[in-house]
């Protein structure tokens, strides 16, 4: 009986596979941004004769850049979802659109 219950509910990996995949992509992107951004930040610091210490200088810069990126990506995803929802639902049986206005009458 335990096996049947497990199959009907699904495994943890099966239930959360998309979340885990997105989290893995996020971690990989963070690593790429950390290493690729450090060279640019370091050259800017040297040009302006500033300290090139990773902590707290680059760590603060990294968190700032990732925050800006996350906000921009989240805003873009939100717009995509809202517009897709609006276009998909416009004229659907669930919406309260006037049938005549949709046909152009």
Protein backbone atom coordinates (compact mmCIF):
# COMPACT_ATOMS: atom_id res chain seq x y z
CA UNK A 1 0.00 0.00 0.00
CA UNK A 2 2.86 2.37 0.72
CA UNK A 3 4.11 2.07 -2.87
CA UNK A 4 0.73 3.02 -4.35
CA UNK A 5 0.42 6.05 -2.10
CA UNK A 6 3.90 7.15 -3.12
CA UNK A 7 3.06 6.83 -6.83
CA UNK A 8 -0.19 8.78 -6.58
CA UNK A 9 1.40 11.61 -4.65
CA UNK A 10 4.57 11.68 -6.73
CA UNK A 11 8.12 11.94 -5.55
CA UNK A 12 9.73 15.10 -4.25
CA UNK A 13 11.86 15.40 -7.40
CA UNK A 14 8.84 14.96 -9.66
CA UNK A 15 6.77 17.52 -7.76
CA UNK A 16 9.51 20.12 -7.60
CA UNK A 17 11.57 19.39 -10.74
CA UNK A 18 10.87 22.77 -12.38
CA UNK A 19 11.74 24.66 -9.20
CA UNK A 20 14.92 22.63 -8.75
CA UNK A 21 15.94 23.18 -12.38
CA UNK A 22 15.32 26.93 -12.12
CA UNK A 23 17.26 27.07 -8.86
CA UNK A 24 20.17 25.25 -10.50
CA UNK A 25 20.14 27.72 -13.40
CA UNK A 26 20.05 30.60 -10.91
CA UNK A 27 23.07 29.23 -9.02
CA UNK A 28 25.00 28.74 -12.27
CA UNK A 29 24.15 32.29 -13.36
CA UNK A 30 25.32 33.64 -9.99
CA UNK A 31 28.64 31.86 -10.38
CA UNK A 32 29.08 33.17 -13.93
CA UNK A 33 28.21 36.73 -12.89
CA UNK A 34 30.59 36.50 -9.91
CA UNK A 35 33.58 35.47 -12.00
CA UNK A 36 32.88 37.50 -15.13
CA UNK A 37 32.00 40.67 -13.24
CA UNK A 38 35.05 40.60 -11.00
CA UNK A 39 37.51 41.36 -13.81
CA UNK A 40 35.53 44.43 -14.91
CA UNK A 41 35.04 45.65 -11.36
CA UNK A 42 38.72 45.13 -10.53
CA UNK A 43 39.89 47.08 -13.61
CA UNK A 44 37.51 49.93 -12.75
CA UNK A 45 38.80 50.00 -9.18
CA UNK A 46 42.42 50.08 -10.36
CA UNK A 47 41.65 52.83 -12.90
CA UNK A 48 40.13 55.00 -10.16
CA UNK A 49 42.87 54.04 -7.68
CA UNK A 50 40.44 52.38 -5.28
CA UNK A 51 40.87 49.30 -3.10
CA UNK A 52 40.33 45.97 -4.92
CA UNK A 53 39.40 43.87 -1.88
CA UNK A 54 36.73 41.28 -2.56
CA UNK A 55 35.16 41.80 0.87
CA UNK A 56 33.22 44.04 1.24
CA UNK A 57 33.89 45.95 -2.00
CA UNK A 58 33.17 43.39 -4.67
CA UNK A 59 30.63 41.49 -2.58
CA UNK A 60 28.49 44.63 -2.21
CA UNK A 61 28.85 45.38 -5.93
CA UNK A 62 27.87 41.79 -6.79
CA UNK A 63 24.77 41.86 -4.58
CA UNK A 64 23.76 45.20 -6.10
CA UNK A 65 24.19 43.96 -9.67
CA UNK A 66 22.30 40.73 -8.97
CA UNK A 67 19.48 42.66 -7.29
CA UNK A 68 19.12 44.94 -10.31
CA UNK A 69 19.13 41.91 -12.59
CA UNK A 70 16.58 40.03 -10.51
CA UNK A 71 14.25 43.03 -10.34
CA UNK A 72 14.47 43.55 -14.11
CA UNK A 73 13.91 39.85 -14.84
CA UNK A 74 11.03 39.63 -12.38
CA UNK A 75 9.39 42.70 -13.90
CA UNK A 76 9.77 41.24 -17.38
CA UNK A 77 8.34 37.90 -16.31
CA UNK A 78 5.45 39.64 -14.56
CA UNK A 79 4.62 41.60 -17.70
CA UNK A 80 4.79 38.45 -19.83
CA UNK A 81 2.44 36.61 -17.49
CA UNK A 82 -0.02 39.50 -17.23
CA UNK A 83 -0.11 40.12 -20.99
CA UNK A 84 -0.39 36.40 -21.76
CA UNK A 85 -3.21 36.11 -19.24
CA UNK A 86 -4.96 39.16 -20.66
CA UNK A 87 -4.68 38.04 -24.30
CA UNK A 88 -5.56 34.44 -23.50
CA UNK A 89 -8.59 35.30 -21.42
CA UNK A 90 -9.93 38.06 -23.67
CA UNK A 91 -13.00 36.55 -25.29
CA UNK A 92 -12.86 33.33 -23.32
CA UNK A 93 -16.08 31.95 -21.81
CA UNK A 94 -14.78 32.91 -18.36
CA UNK A 95 -14.40 36.60 -19.25
CA UNK A 96 -17.26 39.09 -19.21
CA UNK A 97 -16.44 40.51 -22.63
CA UNK A 98 -19.35 41.50 -24.81
CA UNK A 99 -19.59 38.95 -27.65
CA UNK A 100 -20.66 41.64 -30.14
CA UNK A 101 -17.63 43.83 -29.43
CA UNK A 102 -15.31 40.87 -30.02
CA UNK A 103 -16.82 40.16 -33.45
CA UNK A 104 -16.41 43.80 -34.44
CA UNK A 105 -20.10 44.50 -34.70
